[in-house]
Structure formats: C-alpha cells, structure tokens
Amino acid sequence: MSNSTIRAIKIIIIGAISCIIISPSLALIRPIVWQKNVAIAPTKPNFLKNGKRNYIPTYQHTLIGAIVQLEGLNLPSPKVTGRANIPLKFLGGGTAFTLTATIGEKSGNFLLDTGASTTIISTETIKELGLTGEAIPQELLTSAVAGDECPEMKANLHRLPVLKIDNVKVEKLTGLEFTTTIMPEGLSGVLGMDILSNFDLEIIPQTQELRLLSPTLIPAENIKDAIPLKSKLGVMLAEVEINGKGPFIFMLDTGAESIFISQKLASQLKISAAERQEIRVQGFCGIEMAEYASLAKVKMGNYELANLETVILSSPVLKLLEVDGILGQNFLNNYQQYWRFNQKNPENFPAEGSLLLTGNRE
C-alpha cells in the first residue's frame, strides 16, 4: 500500500453490535455493523435442545460483533459539501434506518450508522462499480470476533467515486470492503461517522426524515438539556443510567436495533437467572451464546424509558471497546434527535459532541 495511506498512526476499526430486534417469538436480524466494519441479515429463530432447558432459540445472522484493528492505516478526510433533507426507510421492517445514495453511477440503500466510524461498501457494490482497491496486508490487520469459525479476515481499501445524497456531495471518500462480511440483502453499504460528523444531524423517527445541516453551536436555552458526548475511535459515547444505577458508559448506535450490555453490567444490575432467556446468536465467526432480558428503566440525560429489551453479551466485543453497553434504536427512536459534533481531532473525528432529544420525556 502507498506511503500516503500507511503512516505511523494507528486507527482501530470496531465491529460493534448492530441491529437486532428480539422477542420471545421472533428475532429480526440486521447488519452488525462496526465502527468501521461488519454486517448481517434477518431470519426467524430455530430452536435447539439444551440439557438444562427444553429448547434454546437460535437467532441466525445476528452478527454480534467484531473488532478489527488496522495498524498504521491513516484514512484521509473526505471533502463534504451541501445540505439536504432526506427520507429514511426502515431496514427490513426493523427500526434501523436506511437512505438512498448514489455512488458513481450506482444508486443504492445505505445504513445510517453512528456506530460505524468509517464508511463501508458491500462487495457486490464494489464489483458493480468495477473497483479494484488495495488489499490491506494481513500483518496490519488483527481482529477479535464472536465465534471461532472464520478463516483469516480480509479487507480492501477503496478510493471511491463521488457519493451523492440528495444535494450533499462527498468527494475523496475512502471506503472499506470486508470480504468476509455478510451484508443484508439490498444494502449497498454503511454510512459512517467519517461522513456524518461533518454535519449537524437531525433525525426525526416519527416522520422518517434525516436532515444534514450546517454545524452550529448549542443555543443557550438548550445547554442544560443537551447530553454531552465523548468520542472514542470515531464514535460517540455517553453516560447512561440503568435501573437507577450508574452512570455507565454506552456507545450510541443508530445502526443497532436493541440495547446491548456486558455480562459484567448485567451482574452489577443483579439481573437474575430467572430474568434471563438463553439464546444462541450468529456471531461474525460462528455461533455465540447470549441472553435476552428486560431493563426496568433506561435513562440518558433527562430522558427515561421503561421496560426496554436488552441483549447480554459474553463475547469480548464490549470489553475491548471499553464500554458497558451500546444504546440502540429501541431507545433512540422514541425521540427526535439533534446531534452536534465539535472540532475534529488529529484522526479526523470529532473529539466531543452533544445530543438534544425532544419528545417522550418522563
């Protein structure tokens, strides 16, 4: 790879948890998308016998995570111009949003994902665009994933044609292709924070609308209600209280349909065995055990919701992220959201930001 791409800087690409909706009878699975990397697809659960219980629901294609580290990779910042109001659609009948974008001459659906630090392009789209890209040397790529059935992970770096989202134009965009990633059918890629953090983002779930706006300062009258955000590896973290305890550190992820918490946090919350349902989910590299439970109260800033589902993970993903959990769409979609991002750090990601929520305040 060229010297302009590889430098002494380390950039970590995180495969956080992504979209899952789980109920006792149905699991809709979506792309498990990373801060810079992974995805999936939907299906109904299978049920397998277990020695302790009669059956364990198996939620296939629920990719529960991967963390990928690319050493010495410094991706250039894209040039972003324009502003737009964009209609959103739900992905596969779930709660994660997609939008239509044109890359080169190809139009496709892209996941709106604040939990992805870098834009990801599907292998199918890469082939349709006729792009070759540069293979990332295996010695620069290490990973920690759920499951143990993967061959060596392979990734390619692509300098992409101009990407257009309505009146927004993104030039000099570098995208990642993970050839071992499973993208949901009909999804061309994932729009990450390398693009989204150039704007004020206004997400209006009630009308399924996204507004990409010029960056602004928080109005004085909104400062007390704005939730402070801290950046880590290109994604945004915030303090969250669960069941009256905390605060705990959560990643905010519009690409995740559910809330995900670590086993450590589940123990701190004293979620008993009787309150957990054992499930088997499809990890990025094989079957992974997890548990389904309900949280009595989830509070971020001045906003609180009751009785939200969560998935308890035993995989190394959250530990390596050094967060207690991931806050997904089953919380965020209850509110109109206004995201602001501050001046960027040397890695070209915002160092801080804020989130203002409107509606459903209890």
Protein backbone atom coordinates (compact mmCIF):
# COMPACT_ATOMS: atom_id res chain seq x y z
CA MET A 1 0.00 0.00 0.00
CA SER A 2 1.15 3.54 -0.64
CA ASN A 3 3.07 5.66 1.86
CA SER A 4 0.29 8.24 1.68
CA THR A 5 -2.08 5.68 3.16
CA ILE A 6 0.12 3.92 5.70
CA ARG A 7 1.67 6.07 8.40
CA ALA A 8 2.75 5.70 12.00
CA ILE A 9 -0.75 6.40 13.27
CA LYS A 10 -2.92 3.52 14.43
CA ILE A 11 -6.61 3.56 13.59
CA ILE A 12 -8.83 0.98 15.21
CA ILE A 13 -11.83 -0.27 13.35
CA ILE A 14 -14.51 -1.50 15.64
CA GLY A 15 -17.17 -4.00 14.91
CA ALA A 16 -19.71 -3.16 17.47
CA ILE A 17 -23.02 -4.84 17.87
CA SER A 18 -25.58 -3.91 15.38
CA CYS A 19 -29.16 -4.36 14.68
CA ILE A 20 -31.21 -6.93 16.47
CA ILE A 21 -34.80 -6.96 17.49
CA ILE A 22 -35.51 -9.84 19.80
CA SER A 23 -38.75 -11.01 21.30
CA PRO A 24 -39.52 -14.45 22.73
CA SER A 25 -41.01 -15.47 19.38
CA LEU A 26 -39.13 -13.54 16.72
CA ALA A 27 -35.74 -12.07 16.01
CA LEU A 28 -35.20 -9.71 13.11
CA ILE A 29 -31.53 -9.55 12.41
CA ARG A 30 -29.70 -6.86 10.65
CA PRO A 31 -26.26 -5.81 9.79
CA ILE A 32 -23.99 -5.90 12.57
CA VAL A 33 -22.06 -3.02 11.74
CA TRP A 34 -18.97 -1.78 13.17
CA GLN A 35 -17.44 1.41 13.78
CA LYS A 36 -15.63 0.54 10.79
CA ASN A 37 -16.73 -2.76 9.78
CA VAL A 38 -19.31 -5.65 9.96
CA ALA A 39 -22.90 -6.70 8.94
CA ILE A 40 -25.77 -9.31 8.73
CA ALA A 41 -29.30 -10.39 7.63
CA PRO A 42 -32.77 -11.30 9.00
CA THR A 43 -34.49 -14.57 9.79
CA LYS A 44 -36.70 -16.34 12.31
CA PRO A 45 -35.11 -18.27 15.15
CA ASN A 46 -34.51 -22.00 15.17
CA PHE A 47 -34.84 -23.91 18.42
CA LEU A 48 -32.21 -26.38 19.57
CA LYS A 49 -32.37 -28.74 22.54
CA ASN A 50 -30.35 -27.96 25.62
CA GLY A 51 -29.59 -30.17 28.60
CA LYS A 52 -30.83 -27.61 31.10
CA ARG A 53 -33.87 -26.40 29.18
CA ASN A 54 -36.00 -27.96 26.53
CA TYR A 55 -35.04 -25.54 23.76
CA ILE A 56 -32.72 -22.63 23.11
CA PRO A 57 -33.81 -20.12 20.46
CA THR A 58 -31.12 -19.67 17.82
CA TYR A 59 -31.11 -16.28 16.14
CA GLN A 60 -29.23 -16.81 12.94
CA HIS A 61 -27.45 -13.98 11.14
CA THR A 62 -27.46 -11.88 14.26
CA LEU A 63 -23.92 -10.83 13.97
CA ILE A 64 -22.95 -9.87 17.46
CA GLY A 65 -19.69 -8.24 16.81
CA ALA A 66 -16.13 -7.93 15.68
CA ILE A 67 -13.33 -5.57 16.46
CA VAL A 68 -10.79 -5.05 13.77
CA GLN A 69 -7.56 -3.17 14.24
CA LEU A 70 -5.66 -1.82 11.30
CA GLU A 71 -2.20 -0.78 12.33
CA GLY A 72 -0.56 2.14 10.60
CA LEU A 73 -3.62 2.98 8.49
CA ASN A 74 -4.48 6.67 8.21
CA LEU A 75 -7.56 7.31 6.10
CA PRO A 76 -7.77 10.79 4.53
CA SER A 77 -10.75 13.02 5.31
CA PRO A 78 -13.43 13.22 2.63
CA LYS A 79 -14.49 16.55 1.15
CA VAL A 80 -18.15 17.10 2.02
CA THR A 81 -20.35 19.87 0.59
CA GLY A 82 -24.07 20.65 0.52
CA ARG A 83 -27.02 20.23 2.85
CA ALA A 84 -30.12 18.06 2.50
CA ASN A 85 -33.43 16.80 3.87
CA ILE A 86 -33.57 13.08 3.20
CA PRO A 87 -36.37 10.50 3.56
CA LEU A 88 -35.49 7.44 5.62
CA LYS A 89 -36.74 3.87 5.37
CA PHE A 90 -36.68 1.11 7.95
CA LEU A 91 -34.28 -1.72 7.20
CA GLY A 92 -36.18 -4.95 6.63
CA GLY A 93 -39.16 -3.91 8.75
CA GLY A 94 -36.94 -3.24 11.78
CA THR A 95 -36.01 0.02 13.48
CA ALA A 96 -32.64 0.85 11.92
CA PHE A 97 -32.81 3.41 9.12
CA THR A 98 -31.54 3.35 5.56
CA LEU A 99 -31.31 6.11 3.00
CA THR A 100 -30.73 6.25 -0.73
CA ALA A 101 -27.37 7.43 -2.03
CA THR A 102 -25.63 7.38 -5.39
CA ILE A 103 -22.01 6.31 -5.65
CA GLY A 104 -20.55 6.78 -9.09
CA GLU A 105 -23.40 5.78 -11.40
CA LYS A 106 -24.95 3.31 -8.96
CA SER A 107 -27.83 4.13 -6.64
CA GLY A 108 -28.32 2.02 -3.53
CA ASN A 109 -29.53 1.81 0.06
CA PHE A 110 -27.10 2.61 2.86
CA LEU A 111 -27.45 2.04 6.60
CA LEU A 112 -27.44 5.24 8.69
CA ASP A 113 -24.94 4.23 11.37
CA THR A 114 -23.44 6.43 14.09
CA GLY A 115 -21.84 3.22 15.39
CA ALA A 116 -19.59 2.95 12.33
CA SER A 117 -16.55 5.21 12.30
CA THR A 118 -15.86 4.66 8.61
CA THR A 119 -18.00 4.14 5.53
CA ILE A 120 -18.22 0.50 4.42
CA ILE A 121 -19.12 -0.70 0.94
CA SER A 122 -20.50 -4.14 0.12
CA THR A 123 -18.51 -6.49 -2.08
CA GLU A 124 -21.41 -6.64 -4.54
CA THR A 125 -21.37 -2.85 -4.92
CA ILE A 126 -17.59 -2.84 -5.36
CA LYS A 127 -17.94 -5.35 -8.18
CA GLU A 128 -20.72 -3.36 -9.85
CA LEU A 129 -18.56 -0.23 -9.74
CA GLY A 130 -15.62 -2.11 -11.22
CA LEU A 131 -13.27 -1.05 -8.42
CA THR A 132 -10.05 -2.90 -7.64
CA GLY A 133 -8.81 -1.25 -4.46
CA GLU A 134 -5.81 -2.19 -2.34
CA ALA A 135 -5.67 -5.30 -0.21
CA ILE A 136 -4.74 -4.48 3.37
CA PRO A 137 -1.71 -6.60 4.32
CA GLN A 138 -2.61 -9.32 6.80
CA GLU A 139 0.20 -8.27 9.14
CA LEU A 140 -1.53 -4.90 9.59
CA LEU A 141 -4.89 -6.44 10.37
CA THR A 142 -5.78 -8.17 13.60
CA SER A 143 -9.24 -8.89 15.00
CA ALA A 144 -11.28 -10.09 17.93
CA VAL A 145 -14.57 -11.63 16.90
CA ALA A 146 -17.50 -13.62 18.20
CA GLY A 147 -17.22 -17.29 17.29
CA ASP A 148 -14.22 -19.24 16.04
CA GLU A 149 -15.22 -20.45 12.59
CA CYS A 150 -13.70 -17.66 10.46
CA PRO A 151 -10.81 -18.02 8.09
CA GLU A 152 -8.40 -15.09 8.08
CA MET A 153 -10.27 -11.82 7.87
CA LYS A 154 -9.62 -9.96 4.64
CA ALA A 155 -10.21 -6.29 3.89
CA ASN A 156 -9.71 -3.98 0.93
CA LEU A 157 -9.32 -0.22 0.84
CA HIS A 158 -11.06 1.62 -1.99
CA ARG A 159 -10.87 5.19 -3.24
CA LEU A 160 -14.50 5.70 -4.13
CA PRO A 161 -16.23 7.71 -6.85
CA VAL A 162 -18.24 10.76 -5.78
CA LEU A 163 -21.03 9.83 -3.39
CA LYS A 164 -24.23 11.91 -3.53
CA ILE A 165 -27.05 12.05 -1.00
CA ASP A 166 -29.65 14.39 -2.45
CA ASN A 167 -27.85 17.78 -2.50
CA VAL A 168 -24.88 16.52 -0.48
CA LYS A 169 -21.70 15.61 -2.36
CA VAL A 170 -18.87 13.56 -0.81
CA GLU A 171 -15.57 13.58 -2.70
CA LYS A 172 -12.24 11.89 -2.00
CA LEU A 173 -14.02 9.27 0.10
CA THR A 174 -12.12 6.17 1.14
CA GLY A 175 -14.27 3.13 1.86
CA LEU A 176 -13.58 -0.26 3.36
CA GLU A 177 -14.70 -3.59 1.97
CA PHE A 178 -14.63 -6.64 4.23
CA THR A 179 -14.84 -9.69 2.03
CA THR A 180 -15.86 -11.93 4.96
CA THR A 181 -18.73 -9.64 5.98
CA ILE A 182 -22.35 -10.58 5.45
CA MET A 183 -24.39 -7.61 4.26
CA PRO A 184 -28.19 -7.73 4.43
CA GLU A 185 -29.76 -8.24 1.04
CA GLY A 186 -30.36 -4.97 -0.77
CA LEU A 187 -27.88 -2.97 1.31
CA SER A 188 -25.07 -1.33 -0.66
CA GLY A 189 -23.11 -0.20 2.35
CA VAL A 190 -22.95 1.70 5.60
CA LEU A 191 -22.64 5.47 6.04
CA GLY A 192 -20.36 6.07 8.99
CA MET A 193 -19.13 8.94 11.08
CA ASP A 194 -16.44 9.91 8.56
CA ILE A 195 -19.34 11.44 6.60
CA LEU A 196 -22.00 12.08 9.26
CA SER A 197 -19.78 14.05 11.66
CA ASN A 198 -19.38 16.81 9.07
CA PHE A 199 -22.96 17.92 9.77
CA ASP A 200 -25.42 18.71 12.46
CA LEU A 201 -27.67 15.63 12.24
CA GLU A 202 -31.38 15.93 12.88
CA ILE A 203 -33.13 12.56 12.92
CA ILE A 204 -36.93 12.59 13.09
CA PRO A 205 -38.14 8.99 13.55
CA GLN A 206 -41.82 9.96 13.60
CA THR A 207 -41.69 11.27 10.01
CA GLN A 208 -38.73 9.08 8.95
CA GLU A 209 -36.61 12.06 7.97
CA LEU A 210 -32.92 12.94 8.19
CA ARG A 211 -31.64 16.50 7.94
CA LEU A 212 -27.96 17.06 7.16
CA LEU A 213 -27.37 20.64 8.33
CA SER A 214 -24.53 23.13 8.69
CA PRO A 215 -22.71 22.81 12.04
CA THR A 216 -23.99 25.14 14.77
CA LEU A 217 -23.40 25.89 18.45
CA ILE A 218 -25.91 24.74 21.06
CA PRO A 219 -28.46 27.50 21.70
CA ALA A 220 -28.13 28.87 25.23
CA GLU A 221 -31.65 27.75 26.14
CA ASN A 222 -30.82 24.12 25.23
CA ILE A 223 -27.47 23.74 27.01
CA LYS A 224 -28.96 22.33 30.23
CA ASP A 225 -30.84 19.60 28.31
CA ALA A 226 -28.09 18.67 25.86
CA ILE A 227 -26.42 15.31 26.54
CA PRO A 228 -22.60 15.58 26.41
CA LEU A 229 -20.91 13.15 24.04
CA LYS A 230 -17.30 11.97 24.11
CA SER A 231 -15.57 10.48 21.08
CA LYS A 232 -13.68 7.21 21.08
CA LEU A 233 -12.25 5.66 17.94
CA GLY A 234 -14.57 7.80 15.84
CA VAL A 235 -17.88 7.00 17.56
CA MET A 236 -19.76 8.80 20.31
CA LEU A 237 -20.13 7.72 23.95
CA ALA A 238 -22.50 8.98 26.64
CA GLU A 239 -23.40 8.30 30.27
CA VAL A 240 -26.49 6.13 30.78
CA GLU A 241 -28.27 5.06 33.96
CA ILE A 242 -29.88 1.62 34.11
CA ASN A 243 -32.47 0.65 36.72
CA GLY A 244 -31.47 3.66 38.84
CA LYS A 245 -27.78 2.68 38.87
CA GLY A 246 -24.78 4.22 37.15
CA PRO A 247 -23.86 6.20 35.24
CA PHE A 248 -22.40 3.68 32.83
CA ILE A 249 -20.63 4.37 29.54
CA PHE A 250 -22.55 3.43 26.39
CA MET A 251 -21.84 3.83 22.72
CA LEU A 252 -24.73 5.49 20.85
CA ASP A 253 -25.53 3.48 17.75
CA THR A 254 -28.30 4.23 15.24
CA GLY A 255 -27.31 1.02 13.43
CA ALA A 256 -28.25 -1.15 16.45
CA GLU A 257 -31.89 -2.03 16.93
CA SER A 258 -31.58 -3.09 20.56
CA ILE A 259 -29.64 -2.25 23.71
CA PHE A 260 -26.61 -4.45 24.35
CA ILE A 261 -24.93 -4.82 27.74
CA SER A 262 -21.96 -6.76 29.05
CA GLN A 263 -22.15 -9.70 31.43
CA LYS A 264 -20.32 -7.54 33.96
CA LEU A 265 -23.01 -4.86 33.81
CA ALA A 266 -25.78 -7.47 33.98
CA SER A 267 -24.21 -8.74 37.21
CA GLN A 268 -23.94 -5.20 38.61
CA LEU A 269 -27.63 -4.72 37.83
CA LYS A 270 -28.39 -8.02 39.60
CA ILE A 271 -30.32 -9.44 36.65
CA SER A 272 -31.14 -12.90 37.97
CA ALA A 273 -31.04 -16.16 36.04
CA ALA A 274 -34.83 -16.28 36.18
CA GLU A 275 -34.98 -12.94 34.36
CA ARG A 276 -32.74 -14.10 31.50
CA GLN A 277 -33.60 -16.13 28.42
CA GLU A 278 -30.70 -18.04 26.96
CA ILE A 279 -30.29 -17.54 23.23
CA ARG A 280 -27.81 -18.55 20.55
CA VAL A 281 -26.90 -15.86 18.08
CA GLN A 282 -24.87 -15.92 14.91
CA GLY A 283 -21.56 -14.23 15.60
CA PHE A 284 -19.30 -12.79 12.96
CA CYS A 285 -17.31 -16.01 13.08
CA GLY A 286 -19.80 -18.60 14.28
CA ILE A 287 -22.48 -19.29 16.87
CA GLU A 288 -22.22 -17.25 20.07
CA MET A 289 -24.17 -17.65 23.30
CA ALA A 290 -26.06 -14.63 24.65
CA GLU A 291 -29.03 -13.84 26.85
CA TYR A 292 -32.19 -11.82 26.45
CA ALA A 293 -33.59 -9.73 29.32
CA SER A 294 -35.65 -6.64 30.08
CA LEU A 295 -34.45 -3.41 31.72
CA ALA A 296 -36.92 -1.70 34.04
CA LYS A 297 -35.55 1.80 33.46
CA VAL A 298 -33.08 3.31 30.99
CA LYS A 299 -32.15 6.98 31.44
CA MET A 300 -29.86 9.23 29.42
CA GLY A 301 -29.66 12.88 30.44
CA ASN A 302 -33.15 13.98 31.46
CA TYR A 303 -34.87 11.30 29.39
CA GLU A 304 -36.06 7.97 30.75
CA LEU A 305 -37.91 4.98 29.28
CA ALA A 306 -39.26 1.87 30.99
CA ASN A 307 -39.23 -1.83 30.15
CA LEU A 308 -36.76 -1.97 27.27
CA GLU A 309 -35.35 -5.22 25.91
CA THR A 310 -31.63 -5.88 26.04
CA VAL A 311 -29.17 -8.50 24.85
CA ILE A 312 -26.50 -9.59 27.33
CA LEU A 313 -23.25 -10.46 25.59
CA SER A 314 -20.46 -12.73 26.77
CA SER A 315 -18.25 -12.07 23.74
CA PRO A 316 -15.09 -9.92 24.04
CA VAL A 317 -16.50 -7.12 21.89
CA LEU A 318 -17.76 -4.78 24.63
CA LYS A 319 -14.72 -5.42 26.80
CA LEU A 320 -12.37 -4.44 24.02
CA LEU A 321 -14.47 -1.38 23.29
CA GLU A 322 -14.14 -0.50 26.99
CA VAL A 323 -17.81 0.41 27.23
CA ASP A 324 -20.57 -1.04 29.40
CA GLY A 325 -23.03 -1.31 26.56
CA ILE A 326 -24.50 0.00 23.35
CA LEU A 327 -27.63 2.14 23.23
CA GLY A 328 -29.64 1.35 20.13
CA GLN A 329 -32.82 2.26 18.35
CA ASN A 330 -35.27 0.86 20.88
CA PHE A 331 -34.27 3.91 22.98
CA LEU A 332 -33.23 6.48 20.39
CA ASN A 333 -36.23 6.12 18.07
CA ASN A 334 -38.55 7.36 20.81
CA TYR A 335 -37.11 10.85 20.35
CA GLN A 336 -36.41 13.45 17.73
CA GLN A 337 -32.62 13.78 17.85
CA TYR A 338 -30.29 16.70 17.16
CA TRP A 339 -26.62 15.63 17.04
CA ARG A 340 -23.77 18.16 17.09
CA PHE A 341 -20.06 17.39 16.69
CA ASN A 342 -17.19 19.62 17.76
CA GLN A 343 -13.86 20.37 16.11
CA LYS A 344 -12.07 17.28 14.81
CA ASN A 345 -9.01 15.69 16.39
CA PRO A 346 -5.82 14.61 14.51
CA GLU A 347 -7.56 11.36 13.49
CA ASN A 348 -10.21 13.47 11.68
CA PHE A 349 -13.02 12.54 14.06
CA PRO A 350 -14.86 14.89 16.44
CA ALA A 351 -13.38 14.97 19.93
CA GLU A 352 -16.72 15.76 21.55
CA GLY A 353 -20.33 16.46 20.71
CA SER A 354 -23.83 16.80 22.12
CA LEU A 355 -27.24 15.21 21.62
CA LEU A 356 -30.52 17.01 22.18
CA LEU A 357 -33.63 14.85 22.46
CA THR A 358 -37.22 16.01 22.02
CA GLY A 359 -40.40 14.14 22.94
CA ASN A 360 -41.44 11.30 25.28
CA ARG A 361 -39.80 12.93 28.28
CA GLU A 362 -40.92 11.38 31.54
